[in-house]
């Protein structure tokens, strides 16, 4: 989906689940989750790559100079590629609502 298609469907404030680092189905995330389940040590940096934010969009989508469609969300500084954004059926976190 490009930025114009996104803007036509999803206004600012749309509830989403954002994956700023790596999507949950990525093999690295699967390996980290497996190590966590086994009680093995997991580097904090690895755990942060795998985080998901239940939040809302704070900008319309736009295209970066390289052509990547992105959007900004509450609770994260910077842009997140639209491929790393999922629509949410859950309400956003209280922290995201407080900032919005």
C-alpha atoms as a PDB file:
ATOM      1  CA  UNK A   1       0.000   0.000   0.000  1.00  0.00           C
ATOM      2  CA  UNK A   2       1.325   3.427  -0.829  1.00  0.00           C
ATOM      3  CA  UNK A   3       0.947   6.608   1.224  1.00  0.00           C
ATOM      4  CA  UNK A   4      -2.038   7.952  -0.750  1.00  0.00           C
ATOM      5  CA  UNK A   5      -3.982   4.681  -0.376  1.00  0.00           C
ATOM      6  CA  UNK A   6      -3.203   4.652   3.352  1.00  0.00           C
ATOM      7  CA  UNK A   7      -4.346   8.262   3.839  1.00  0.00           C
ATOM      8  CA  UNK A   8      -7.612   7.538   2.038  1.00  0.00           C
ATOM      9  CA  UNK A   9      -8.389   4.649   4.397  1.00  0.00           C
ATOM     10  CA  UNK A  10      -6.838   5.575   7.750  1.00  0.00           C
ATOM     11  CA  UNK A  11      -7.078   9.025   9.360  1.00  0.00           C
ATOM     12  CA  UNK A  12      -4.768  10.341  12.078  1.00  0.00           C
ATOM     13  CA  UNK A  13      -5.672   8.604  15.341  1.00  0.00           C
ATOM     14  CA  UNK A  14      -6.260   5.189  13.769  1.00  0.00           C
ATOM     15  CA  UNK A  15      -5.574   2.402  16.322  1.00  0.00           C
ATOM     16  CA  UNK A  16      -2.638   0.276  15.160  1.00  0.00           C
ATOM     17  CA  UNK A  17      -0.040  -2.201  16.321  1.00  0.00           C
ATOM     18  CA  UNK A  18       3.356  -0.914  15.216  1.00  0.00           C
ATOM     19  CA  UNK A  19       6.473  -3.049  14.889  1.00  0.00           C
ATOM     20  CA  UNK A  20       9.295  -0.463  14.812  1.00  0.00           C
ATOM     21  CA  UNK A  21      12.063  -3.058  14.529  1.00  0.00           C
ATOM     22  CA  UNK A  22      11.262  -6.499  13.207  1.00  0.00           C
ATOM     23  CA  UNK A  23       7.848  -8.034  12.464  1.00  0.00           C
ATOM     24  CA  UNK A  24       6.818 -10.864  14.820  1.00  0.00           C
ATOM     25  CA  UNK A  25       6.959 -13.553  12.133  1.00  0.00           C
ATOM     26  CA  UNK A  26      10.625 -12.811  11.319  1.00  0.00           C
ATOM     27  CA  UNK A  27      12.893 -15.809  12.124  1.00  0.00           C
ATOM     28  CA  UNK A  28      14.991 -13.653  14.488  1.00  0.00           C
ATOM     29  CA  UNK A  29      11.917 -12.813  16.559  1.00  0.00           C
ATOM     30  CA  UNK A  30      10.866 -16.457  16.624  1.00  0.00           C
ATOM     31  CA  UNK A  31      14.341 -17.416  17.913  1.00  0.00           C
ATOM     32  CA  UNK A  32      14.317 -14.691  20.592  1.00  0.00           C
ATOM     33  CA  UNK A  33      10.851 -15.716  21.796  1.00  0.00           C
ATOM     34  CA  UNK A  34      11.986 -19.354  21.948  1.00  0.00           C
ATOM     35  CA  UNK A  35      15.029 -18.411  24.082  1.00  0.00           C
ATOM     36  CA  UNK A  36      12.792 -16.358  26.383  1.00  0.00           C
ATOM     37  CA  UNK A  37      10.347 -19.276  26.771  1.00  0.00           C
ATOM     38  CA  UNK A  38      13.234 -21.582  27.650  1.00  0.00           C
ATOM     39  CA  UNK A  39      14.426 -19.138  30.311  1.00  0.00           C
ATOM     40  CA  UNK A  40      17.665 -18.458  28.486  1.00  0.00           C
ATOM     41  CA  UNK A  41      19.339 -15.071  28.616  1.00  0.00           C
ATOM     42  CA  UNK A  42      18.172 -12.630  25.960  1.00  0.00           C
ATOM     43  CA  UNK A  43      20.058  -9.425  25.181  1.00  0.00           C
ATOM     44  CA  UNK A  44      17.994  -6.302  25.833  1.00  0.00           C
ATOM     45  CA  UNK A  45      18.753  -5.097  22.306  1.00  0.00           C
ATOM     46  CA  UNK A  46      17.252  -8.317  20.888  1.00  0.00           C
ATOM     47  CA  UNK A  47      14.126  -7.910  22.986  1.00  0.00           C
ATOM     48  CA  UNK A  48      13.724  -4.273  21.860  1.00  0.00           C
ATOM     49  CA  UNK A  49      13.942  -5.271  18.194  1.00  0.00           C
ATOM     50  CA  UNK A  50      10.949  -7.513  18.741  1.00  0.00           C
ATOM     51  CA  UNK A  51       8.664  -5.046  20.493  1.00  0.00           C
ATOM     52  CA  UNK A  52       5.167  -4.176  19.372  1.00  0.00           C
ATOM     53  CA  UNK A  53       3.367  -0.959  20.265  1.00  0.00           C
ATOM     54  CA  UNK A  54      -0.414  -0.815  20.581  1.00  0.00           C
ATOM     55  CA  UNK A  55      -0.940   2.821  19.762  1.00  0.00           C
ATOM     56  CA  UNK A  56      -2.499   5.291  17.324  1.00  0.00           C
ATOM     57  CA  UNK A  57      -1.183   7.065  14.246  1.00  0.00           C
ATOM     58  CA  UNK A  58      -0.078  10.653  14.815  1.00  0.00           C
ATOM     59  CA  UNK A  59       0.575  11.736  11.217  1.00  0.00           C
ATOM     60  CA  UNK A  60      -0.784  10.985   7.780  1.00  0.00           C
ATOM     61  CA  UNK A  61       1.350   8.559   5.791  1.00  0.00           C
ATOM     62  CA  UNK A  62       4.055   9.979   3.514  1.00  0.00           C
ATOM     63  CA  UNK A  63       6.783   8.760   1.202  1.00  0.00           C
ATOM     64  CA  UNK A  64      10.443   8.978   2.175  1.00  0.00           C
ATOM     65  CA  UNK A  65      12.921  10.134  -0.442  1.00  0.00           C
ATOM     66  CA  UNK A  66      13.816   6.502  -1.116  1.00  0.00           C
ATOM     67  CA  UNK A  67      10.170   5.755  -1.925  1.00  0.00           C
ATOM     68  CA  UNK A  68       9.271   3.920   1.289  1.00  0.00           C
ATOM     69  CA  UNK A  69       5.737   4.631   2.576  1.00  0.00           C
ATOM     70  CA  UNK A  70       5.808   5.471   6.307  1.00  0.00           C
ATOM     71  CA  UNK A  71       3.695   6.843   9.162  1.00  0.00           C
ATOM     72  CA  UNK A  72       4.420   8.119  12.677  1.00  0.00           C
ATOM     73  CA  UNK A  73       2.714   6.705  15.766  1.00  0.00           C
ATOM     74  CA  UNK A  74       2.310   7.854  19.358  1.00  0.00           C
ATOM     75  CA  UNK A  75       5.013   6.463  21.621  1.00  0.00           C
ATOM     76  CA  UNK A  76       7.732   6.186  18.977  1.00  0.00           C
ATOM     77  CA  UNK A  77      10.031   8.850  17.590  1.00  0.00           C
ATOM     78  CA  UNK A  78      10.461   8.634  13.844  1.00  0.00           C
ATOM     79  CA  UNK A  79       8.680   6.936  11.008  1.00  0.00           C
ATOM     80  CA  UNK A  80       7.651   3.296  10.667  1.00  0.00           C
ATOM     81  CA  UNK A  81       7.285   1.581   7.295  1.00  0.00           C
ATOM     82  CA  UNK A  82       3.652   0.768   6.494  1.00  0.00           C
ATOM     83  CA  UNK A  83       4.620  -2.910   6.143  1.00  0.00           C
ATOM     84  CA  UNK A  84       5.349  -2.801   9.893  1.00  0.00           C
ATOM     85  CA  UNK A  85       1.914  -1.438  10.815  1.00  0.00           C
ATOM     86  CA  UNK A  86      -1.099  -3.642  11.545  1.00  0.00           C
ATOM     87  CA  UNK A  87      -4.630  -2.446  12.238  1.00  0.00           C
ATOM     88  CA  UNK A  88      -5.559  -2.935  15.880  1.00  0.00           C
ATOM     89  CA  UNK A  89      -8.830  -4.146  17.344  1.00  0.00           C
ATOM     90  CA  UNK A  90      -7.551  -3.372  20.844  1.00  0.00           C
ATOM     91  CA  UNK A  91      -7.748   0.103  22.326  1.00  0.00           C
ATOM     92  CA  UNK A  92      -4.405   1.957  22.408  1.00  0.00           C
ATOM     93  CA  UNK A  93      -2.386   1.992  25.612  1.00  0.00           C
ATOM     94  CA  UNK A  94      -3.190   4.662  28.214  1.00  0.00           C
ATOM     95  CA  UNK A  95       0.238   6.227  27.619  1.00  0.00           C
ATOM     96  CA  UNK A  96      -0.467   6.641  23.885  1.00  0.00           C
ATOM     97  CA  UNK A  97      -3.872   8.183  24.583  1.00  0.00           C
ATOM     98  CA  UNK A  98      -2.389  10.568  27.166  1.00  0.00           C
ATOM     99  CA  UNK A  99       0.174  11.805  24.611  1.00  0.00           C
ATOM    100  CA  UNK A 100      -2.421  12.085  21.829  1.00  0.00           C
END
